[in-house]
Protein backbone atom coordinates (compact mmCIF):
# COMPACT_ATOMS: atom_id res chain seq x y z
CA MET A 1 0.00 0.00 0.00
CA GLN A 2 2.88 2.36 0.77
CA ILE A 3 4.00 1.99 -2.86
CA VAL A 4 0.57 2.06 -4.53
CA LEU A 5 -0.59 5.37 -3.05
CA PRO A 6 2.48 7.41 -4.11
CA ILE A 7 2.28 5.90 -7.62
CA ILE A 8 -1.40 6.82 -7.91
CA ALA A 9 -0.72 10.32 -6.56
CA ILE A 10 2.16 10.91 -8.99
CA LEU A 11 0.15 9.66 -11.99
CA THR A 12 -2.82 11.81 -10.98
CA VAL A 13 -0.70 14.95 -10.61
CA LEU A 14 1.08 14.36 -13.93
CA GLY A 15 -2.20 13.64 -15.70
CA ALA A 16 -3.86 16.71 -14.20
CA PHE A 17 -0.97 18.96 -15.24
CA SER A 18 -0.90 17.48 -18.74
CA ALA A 19 -4.63 18.09 -19.19
CA TRP A 20 -4.46 21.59 -17.70
CA ARG A 21 -1.48 22.37 -19.94
CA ARG A 22 -3.87 22.20 -22.92
CA SER A 23 -6.37 24.56 -21.29
CA PRO A 24 -6.78 28.08 -22.73
CA LEU A 25 -6.30 29.36 -19.17
CA TYR A 26 -2.76 27.95 -18.95
CA SER A 27 0.14 30.37 -18.63
CA VAL A 28 3.68 30.26 -17.29
CA GLY A 29 2.75 32.75 -14.59
CA ILE A 30 -0.08 30.55 -13.31
CA ALA A 31 2.21 27.50 -13.44
CA LEU A 32 4.74 29.33 -11.24
CA LYS A 33 1.98 30.27 -8.78
CA LEU A 34 0.93 26.62 -8.60
CA LEU A 35 4.54 25.60 -7.98
CA GLY A 36 4.73 28.15 -5.17
CA VAL A 37 1.54 26.79 -3.59
CA PHE A 38 2.89 23.24 -3.89
CA LEU A 39 6.14 24.18 -2.14
CA LEU A 40 4.19 26.04 0.55
CA ILE A 41 2.02 22.97 1.15
CA VAL A 42 5.11 20.77 1.43
CA ALA A 43 6.73 23.18 3.91
CA ALA A 44 3.53 23.42 5.95
CA THR A 45 3.15 19.64 6.00
CA VAL A 46 6.73 19.15 7.19
CA GLY A 47 6.36 21.84 9.84
CA VAL A 48 3.06 20.48 11.15
CA SER A 49 4.41 16.93 11.21
CA MET A 50 7.49 17.98 13.21
CA GLY A 51 5.30 19.96 15.61
CA ILE A 52 2.99 17.00 16.23
CA VAL A 53 5.83 14.50 16.69
CA ASN A 54 8.09 16.70 18.83
CA GLY A 55 5.59 19.15 20.37
CA PRO A 56 3.88 19.25 23.78
CA ILE A 57 1.36 16.56 22.79
CA SER A 58 4.00 14.02 21.75
CA HIS A 59 3.25 11.99 24.90
CA SER A 60 -0.40 11.43 23.88
CA PRO A 61 -0.99 9.28 20.78
CA ALA A 62 -4.72 10.08 20.82
CA ALA A 63 -4.09 13.84 20.83
CA GLN A 64 -1.50 13.42 18.09
CA ALA A 65 -3.99 11.49 15.92
CA ILE A 66 -6.74 14.08 16.42
CA LEU A 67 -4.44 17.03 15.73
CA ALA A 68 -2.97 15.29 12.68
CA LEU A 69 -6.46 14.72 11.24
CA VAL A 70 -7.46 18.35 11.86
CA CYS A 71 -4.25 19.63 10.26
CA ILE A 72 -4.53 17.32 7.24
CA VAL A 73 -8.14 18.36 6.60
CA GLY A 74 -7.25 22.04 7.09
CA LEU A 75 -4.26 21.82 4.77
CA GLY A 76 -6.31 19.91 2.20
CA ILE A 77 -9.14 22.45 2.22
CA GLY A 78 -6.73 25.40 2.10
CA ALA A 79 -4.68 23.89 -0.71
CA THR A 80 -7.81 23.02 -2.70
CA ALA A 81 -9.21 26.54 -2.35
CA ALA A 82 -5.88 28.08 -3.38
CA LEU A 83 -5.52 25.84 -6.43
CA VAL A 84 -9.07 26.54 -7.61
CA ARG A 85 -8.62 30.28 -7.12
CA ILE A 86 -5.44 30.21 -9.19
CA THR A 87 -6.56 27.97 -12.06
CA ASP A 88 -10.16 29.28 -12.27
CA ALA A 89 -9.74 32.82 -11.00
CA HIS A 90 -12.48 34.36 -13.14
CA VAL A 91 -15.87 34.74 -11.47
CA ALA A 92 -18.62 36.72 -13.22
CA GLN A 93 -19.12 40.19 -11.73
CA LEU A 94 -22.83 40.97 -11.44
CA PRO A 95 -24.62 44.30 -10.94
CA GLN A 96 -26.63 44.50 -7.72
CA SER A 97 -29.84 44.59 -9.75
CA VAL A 98 -29.23 41.08 -11.17
CA GLN A 99 -31.01 38.25 -9.35
CA LEU A 100 -28.46 35.61 -8.38
CA VAL A 101 -29.23 32.03 -9.42
CA THR A 102 -28.46 29.53 -6.65
CA ILE A 103 -29.53 26.17 -8.13
CA HIS A 104 -25.98 24.81 -8.42
CA ARG A 105 -24.90 26.05 -5.01
CA HIS A 106 -27.87 24.33 -3.36
CA LYS A 107 -26.60 20.99 -4.67
CA ALA A 108 -23.25 21.54 -2.94
CA GLN A 109 -24.96 22.73 0.24
CA ARG A 110 -27.04 19.55 0.40
CA TRP A 111 -23.85 17.45 0.33
CA ILE A 112 -22.26 19.66 2.99
CA TRP A 113 -25.25 19.17 5.30
CA ARG A 114 -25.13 15.42 4.64
CA LEU A 115 -21.46 15.40 5.63
CA ILE A 116 -22.22 17.34 8.81
CA ALA A 117 -25.05 14.94 9.69
CA TYR A 118 -22.76 11.95 9.08
CA LEU A 119 -20.05 13.41 11.32
CA LEU A 120 -22.59 14.13 14.09
CA ILE A 121 -23.86 10.54 13.90
CA ALA A 122 -20.27 9.27 14.11
CA ALA A 123 -19.56 11.53 17.09
CA VAL A 124 -22.70 10.41 18.96
CA ALA A 125 -21.90 6.76 18.22
CA ALA A 126 -18.40 7.24 19.60
CA LEU A 127 -19.86 8.67 22.81
CA LEU A 128 -22.43 5.89 23.27
CA LEU A 129 -20.43 2.81 22.26
CA PRO A 130 -18.21 0.90 24.71
CA SER A 131 -14.61 2.02 24.85
CA TRP A 132 -13.30 -0.91 22.79
CA TRP A 133 -15.65 0.06 19.90
CA LYS A 134 -15.14 3.84 19.92
CA TRP A 135 -12.39 3.60 17.34
CA LEU A 136 -14.78 2.41 14.60
CA PRO A 137 -17.09 5.51 14.29
CA LEU A 138 -14.11 7.79 14.88
CA PHE A 139 -12.14 6.09 12.11
CA LEU A 140 -15.09 6.15 9.67
CA GLY A 141 -15.89 9.78 10.46
CA GLY A 142 -12.27 10.86 10.10
CA PHE A 143 -11.83 8.92 6.87
CA VAL A 144 -14.93 10.52 5.29
CA LEU A 145 -13.96 14.00 6.51
CA LEU A 146 -10.45 13.56 5.13
CA GLY A 147 -11.75 12.61 1.68
CA CYS A 148 -14.84 14.81 1.43
CA GLY A 149 -13.59 18.03 3.06
CA PRO A 150 -11.27 19.21 0.25
CA MET A 151 -13.57 17.70 -2.40
CA LEU A 152 -16.63 19.60 -1.19
CA THR A 153 -14.58 22.79 -0.97
CA ALA A 154 -13.69 22.53 -4.65
CA TYR A 155 -17.26 21.55 -5.53
CA TYR A 156 -18.75 24.53 -3.67
CA MET A 157 -16.36 26.97 -5.37
CA TYR A 158 -17.22 25.37 -8.72
CA THR A 159 -20.98 25.66 -8.14
CA ARG A 160 -20.60 29.27 -7.00
CA ARG A 161 -18.89 30.05 -10.28
CA LEU A 162 -21.66 28.28 -12.21
CA ASP A 163 -24.38 30.22 -10.40
CA ARG A 164 -22.77 33.58 -11.05
CA GLY A 165 -22.03 32.72 -14.68
CA MET A 166 -25.58 31.50 -15.30
CA SER A 167 -26.98 34.63 -13.64
CA ALA A 168 -24.94 36.81 -15.99
CA VAL A 169 -26.08 34.84 -19.05
CA LEU A 170 -29.77 35.03 -18.10
CA ALA A 171 -29.48 38.76 -17.37
CA SER A 172 -27.67 39.73 -20.58
CA PRO A 173 -27.84 37.00 -23.25
CA TRP A 174 -26.40 37.17 -26.75
CA ALA A 175 -29.37 35.14 -27.94
CA HIS A 176 -32.48 33.68 -26.32
CA TRP A 177 -34.35 30.82 -28.01
CA GLN A 178 -37.73 29.42 -26.99
CA TYR A 179 -39.47 26.22 -28.06
CA THR A 180 -43.03 24.91 -28.14
CA PRO A 181 -43.88 21.74 -26.18
CA ALA A 182 -44.21 19.81 -29.47
CA GLN A 183 -40.79 21.00 -30.68
CA TRP A 184 -39.21 20.06 -27.37
CA GLU A 185 -40.76 16.58 -27.30
CA ALA A 186 -39.51 15.95 -30.85
CA TRP A 187 -36.06 17.16 -29.82
CA ALA A 188 -36.01 14.92 -26.73
CA GLN A 189 -36.83 11.90 -28.90
CA ASN A 190 -34.11 12.84 -31.40
CA GLN A 191 -31.55 13.29 -28.62
CA LEU A 192 -32.48 9.89 -27.16
CA GLU A 193 -31.99 8.15 -30.50
CA TRP A 194 -28.70 9.96 -31.09
CA GLU A 195 -27.31 9.01 -27.67
CA ARG A 196 -28.38 5.39 -28.12
CA SER A 197 -26.64 5.22 -31.51
CA ASN A 198 -23.43 6.64 -30.01
CA ILE A 199 -23.05 4.17 -27.14
CA PRO A 200 -19.79 2.34 -27.95
CA GLU A 201 -19.95 -1.42 -28.06
CA PHE A 202 -18.22 -2.95 -25.07
CA ALA A 203 -14.92 -4.42 -26.16
CA TRP A 204 -12.21 -5.88 -24.00
CA LYS A 205 -9.76 -4.83 -26.70
CA SER A 206 -9.94 -1.25 -25.39
CA LYS A 207 -9.91 -2.28 -21.72
CA TRP A 208 -7.40 -5.09 -21.43
CA ARG A 209 -4.37 -2.80 -21.19
CA ALA A 210 -5.73 -1.08 -18.08
CA VAL A 211 -6.62 -4.44 -16.51
CA VAL A 212 -3.15 -5.86 -17.25
CA VAL A 213 -1.33 -2.77 -15.94
CA LEU A 214 -3.33 -2.72 -12.70
CA GLY A 215 -2.88 -6.48 -12.33
CA LEU A 216 0.89 -6.04 -12.63
CA VAL A 217 0.77 -3.24 -10.05
CA PHE A 218 -1.06 -5.52 -7.59
CA ALA A 219 1.43 -8.32 -8.32
CA GLY A 220 4.45 -6.06 -7.89
CA CYS A 221 3.19 -4.55 -4.64
CA SER A 222 2.38 -7.97 -3.16
CA LEU A 223 5.79 -9.36 -4.15
CA VAL A 224 7.80 -6.54 -2.57
CA ALA A 225 5.78 -6.74 0.66
CA ASP A 226 7.83 -8.16 3.51
CA ASP A 227 5.12 -10.32 5.05
CA GLY A 228 2.82 -12.98 3.59
CA ALA A 229 3.40 -16.30 1.85
CA ILE A 230 3.48 -16.74 -1.92
CA GLY A 231 -0.05 -18.16 -1.86
CA GLU A 232 -1.40 -15.14 -0.02
CA LYS A 233 0.32 -12.79 -2.46
CA ALA A 234 -1.19 -14.67 -5.39
CA VAL A 235 -4.66 -14.37 -3.83
CA ILE A 236 -4.17 -10.60 -3.39
CA THR A 237 -3.11 -10.25 -7.04
CA VAL A 238 -6.05 -12.28 -8.36
CA ALA A 239 -8.56 -10.56 -6.07
CA GLY A 240 -7.30 -7.10 -7.03
CA THR A 241 -7.44 -7.87 -10.75
CA ALA A 242 -10.93 -9.37 -10.38
CA LEU A 243 -12.06 -6.21 -8.59
CA VAL A 244 -10.82 -4.10 -11.50
CA ILE A 245 -12.74 -6.30 -13.97
CA VAL A 246 -15.93 -6.01 -11.91
CA ILE A 247 -15.58 -2.20 -11.77
CA VAL A 248 -15.15 -2.06 -15.57
CA LEU A 249 -18.25 -4.22 -16.10
CA VAL A 250 -20.38 -2.19 -13.65
CA ALA A 251 -19.28 1.11 -15.24
CA ASN A 252 -20.19 -0.22 -18.69
CA TRP A 253 -23.60 -1.41 -17.47
CA SER A 254 -24.31 1.97 -15.88
CA SER A 255 -23.29 3.95 -18.98
CA ARG A 256 -25.69 1.99 -21.16
CA GLY A 257 -28.61 3.38 -19.15
CA ASP A 258 -27.48 7.00 -19.53
CA PRO A 259 -29.59 7.83 -22.63
CA GLU A 260 -32.86 6.94 -20.89
CA ARG A 261 -31.88 8.91 -17.77
CA HIS A 262 -30.95 11.92 -19.90
CA TYR A 263 -34.24 11.63 -21.81
CA ARG A 264 -36.33 11.73 -18.65
CA ARG A 265 -34.42 14.75 -17.39
CA LEU A 266 -34.64 16.51 -20.77
CA ARG A 267 -38.44 16.22 -20.89
CA THR A 268 -38.71 18.22 -17.65
CA ALA A 269 -36.16 20.89 -18.68
CA PRO A 270 -37.16 24.53 -19.44
CA LEU A 271 -38.21 25.01 -23.09
CA GLU A 272 -35.57 27.63 -23.85
CA ALA A 273 -31.89 28.26 -24.47
CA TYR A 274 -29.64 31.18 -23.52
CA PHE A 275 -26.20 32.11 -24.86
CA GLY A 276 -23.97 34.73 -23.23
CA ALA A 277 -20.44 35.82 -22.47
CA GLU A 278 -20.00 33.32 -19.61
CA GLY A 279 -21.57 30.23 -21.19
CA PHE A 280 -24.88 28.79 -22.34
CA PHE A 281 -27.99 27.28 -20.77
CA CYS A 282 -30.00 24.62 -22.60
CA ASN A 283 -31.42 21.13 -22.05
CA GLY A 284 -31.77 22.07 -18.38
CA GLU A 285 -27.98 22.45 -17.96
CA TYR A 286 -25.63 25.41 -17.74
CA SER A 287 -22.10 25.10 -19.17
CA PRO A 288 -19.34 27.75 -19.06
CA TRP A 289 -17.30 28.26 -22.21
CA ILE A 290 -13.95 27.93 -20.42
CA LEU A 291 -12.84 26.25 -17.20
CA SER A 292 -9.40 24.86 -16.40
CA GLY A 293 -10.82 21.32 -16.64
CA LYS A 294 -13.41 21.89 -19.36
CA PHE A 295 -13.40 24.22 -22.34
CA LEU A 296 -14.92 24.68 -25.78
CA VAL A 297 -12.81 23.27 -28.61
CA GLU A 298 -15.24 23.31 -31.55
CA ALA A 299 -18.62 24.79 -32.54
CA SER A 300 -20.54 23.89 -35.68
CA ALA A 301 -24.08 23.97 -37.04
CA ALA A 302 -26.13 21.50 -39.08
CA THR A 303 -29.27 22.26 -41.12
CA ASP A 304 -30.53 18.71 -41.69
CA PRO A 305 -33.62 18.18 -39.51
CA PRO A 306 -33.55 18.98 -36.74
CA ALA A 307 -31.37 22.07 -37.27
CA ARG A 308 -28.92 22.21 -34.39
CA LEU A 309 -25.76 23.60 -32.88
CA VAL A 310 -23.03 21.16 -31.88
CA LEU A 311 -20.71 22.47 -29.18
CA THR A 312 -17.77 20.17 -28.41
CA PHE A 313 -15.96 20.48 -25.09
CA GLU A 314 -12.73 18.87 -23.95
CA THR A 315 -13.28 17.61 -20.42
CA PHE A 316 -10.64 16.49 -17.96
CA THR A 317 -11.41 13.06 -16.43
CA GLY A 318 -8.70 12.26 -13.90
CA ARG A 319 -5.53 11.35 -15.79
CA THR A 320 -6.98 11.75 -19.30
CA SER A 321 -9.42 13.96 -21.18
CA VAL A 322 -12.38 13.24 -23.44
CA ARG A 323 -14.40 15.28 -25.90
CA VAL A 324 -18.10 15.68 -25.17
CA ALA A 325 -20.60 17.07 -27.69
CA LYS A 326 -23.52 19.24 -26.56
CA ARG A 327 -26.38 19.44 -29.10
CA ILE A 328 -28.79 22.39 -29.07
CA PRO A 329 -31.85 22.64 -31.36
CA ILE A 330 -32.19 25.79 -33.48
CA PRO A 331 -35.83 26.94 -33.48
CA ASP A 332 -37.51 28.26 -36.61
CA GLY A 333 -36.68 31.87 -37.38
CA HIS A 334 -33.39 31.96 -35.46
CA MET A 335 -30.87 30.85 -38.09
CA SER A 336 -29.82 34.50 -38.36
CA ASP A 337 -28.48 34.32 -34.78
CA LEU A 338 -25.68 32.01 -35.93
CA ALA A 339 -23.63 34.87 -37.37
CA LEU A 340 -23.75 36.72 -34.03
CA LEU A 341 -22.89 33.58 -32.07
CA GLN A 342 -19.96 32.87 -34.37
CA GLU A 343 -18.58 36.37 -33.87
CA LYS A 344 -18.99 36.25 -30.09
CA LEU A 345 -17.55 32.75 -29.69
CA ARG A 346 -14.49 33.57 -31.76
CA GLU A 347 -13.96 36.60 -29.54
CA HIS A 348 -14.40 34.77 -26.22
CA CYS A 349 -12.97 31.34 -27.12
CA GLY A 350 -9.86 32.14 -29.14
CA THR A 351 -8.54 28.56 -29.22
CA ALA A 352 -11.83 26.97 -30.37
CA LYS A 353 -12.70 26.18 -33.99
CA VAL A 354 -15.97 28.00 -34.63
CA HIS A 355 -17.81 27.41 -37.92
CA LEU A 356 -21.46 28.40 -37.57
CA SER A 357 -22.01 30.01 -40.96
CA ILE A 358 -24.66 28.13 -42.95
CA PRO A 359 -23.90 28.09 -46.70
CA ALA A 360 -26.58 29.61 -48.88
CA ALA A 361 -28.88 27.13 -50.64
């Protein structure tokens, strides 16, 4: 385990930097700021560790464990907030007269309240359980806090940016399209058929490399471990590889149900679309044009029924990135808006390929 975690951390950091390097927001100055934050985190971690080990509480293992958890969570939340502020510094500035949308922020707040409720339950359980069982709720509460604290910090900052961006778009749109219920139902059916036709067939040919690599990692880690017989190490390797295969199969099964879930959500979405300087709102979803982990790379238009915009985003997914297409129906009488959208997108998304001009018949 001591070897696996550093390997995963290094691969994640390298993958994140590689993906962010392709972002339109990347610059040498921001990279130097991130390096400075990284060095500051390392220095703070070393200082806190030395203080816990050699400080006044060094005689109390329980106090050391509690203080270490608090410091790790604090450092994680602080580092996460600093990294998000550096890589996604832009937040839409709104006049006081603009009504602020809070739909995205409420999603983050619900998860924060769930985390608080979970921690309170763990604390009460630790107080009520016998002394030899107190470690279990404390361990589970600390583990969840350690993982969710920094994650929810980043998520809240992300949702705050989405709310402010969406508010700006709704208040001052480049274009505003509206649809009839019949048009929207036809569009929902078309989107469902398109998503179904684009589900890739499951093929081990595209998955076996990841399974083999992770199997070798499990094998290598079990072999270098000091304890355990050869039989036990073989069981660990087989069990770890089998777990990877099960995860791949479950993920594939879940993805095959995505079109139907998206269709049900689309039918209840507002019958309108907005485009503005910060992003666009359609199909019940708001998307910014540029984030450090997601940005517009191509925009095109098609006139074959149904007429539609196709906005392609490059999205960071851990150690790699994928391209995701967002389709938006063009209502009758609004083809003339494409020239304006092309001009505005080329101005705001300089690295994207924007081709919205429809050739004359």
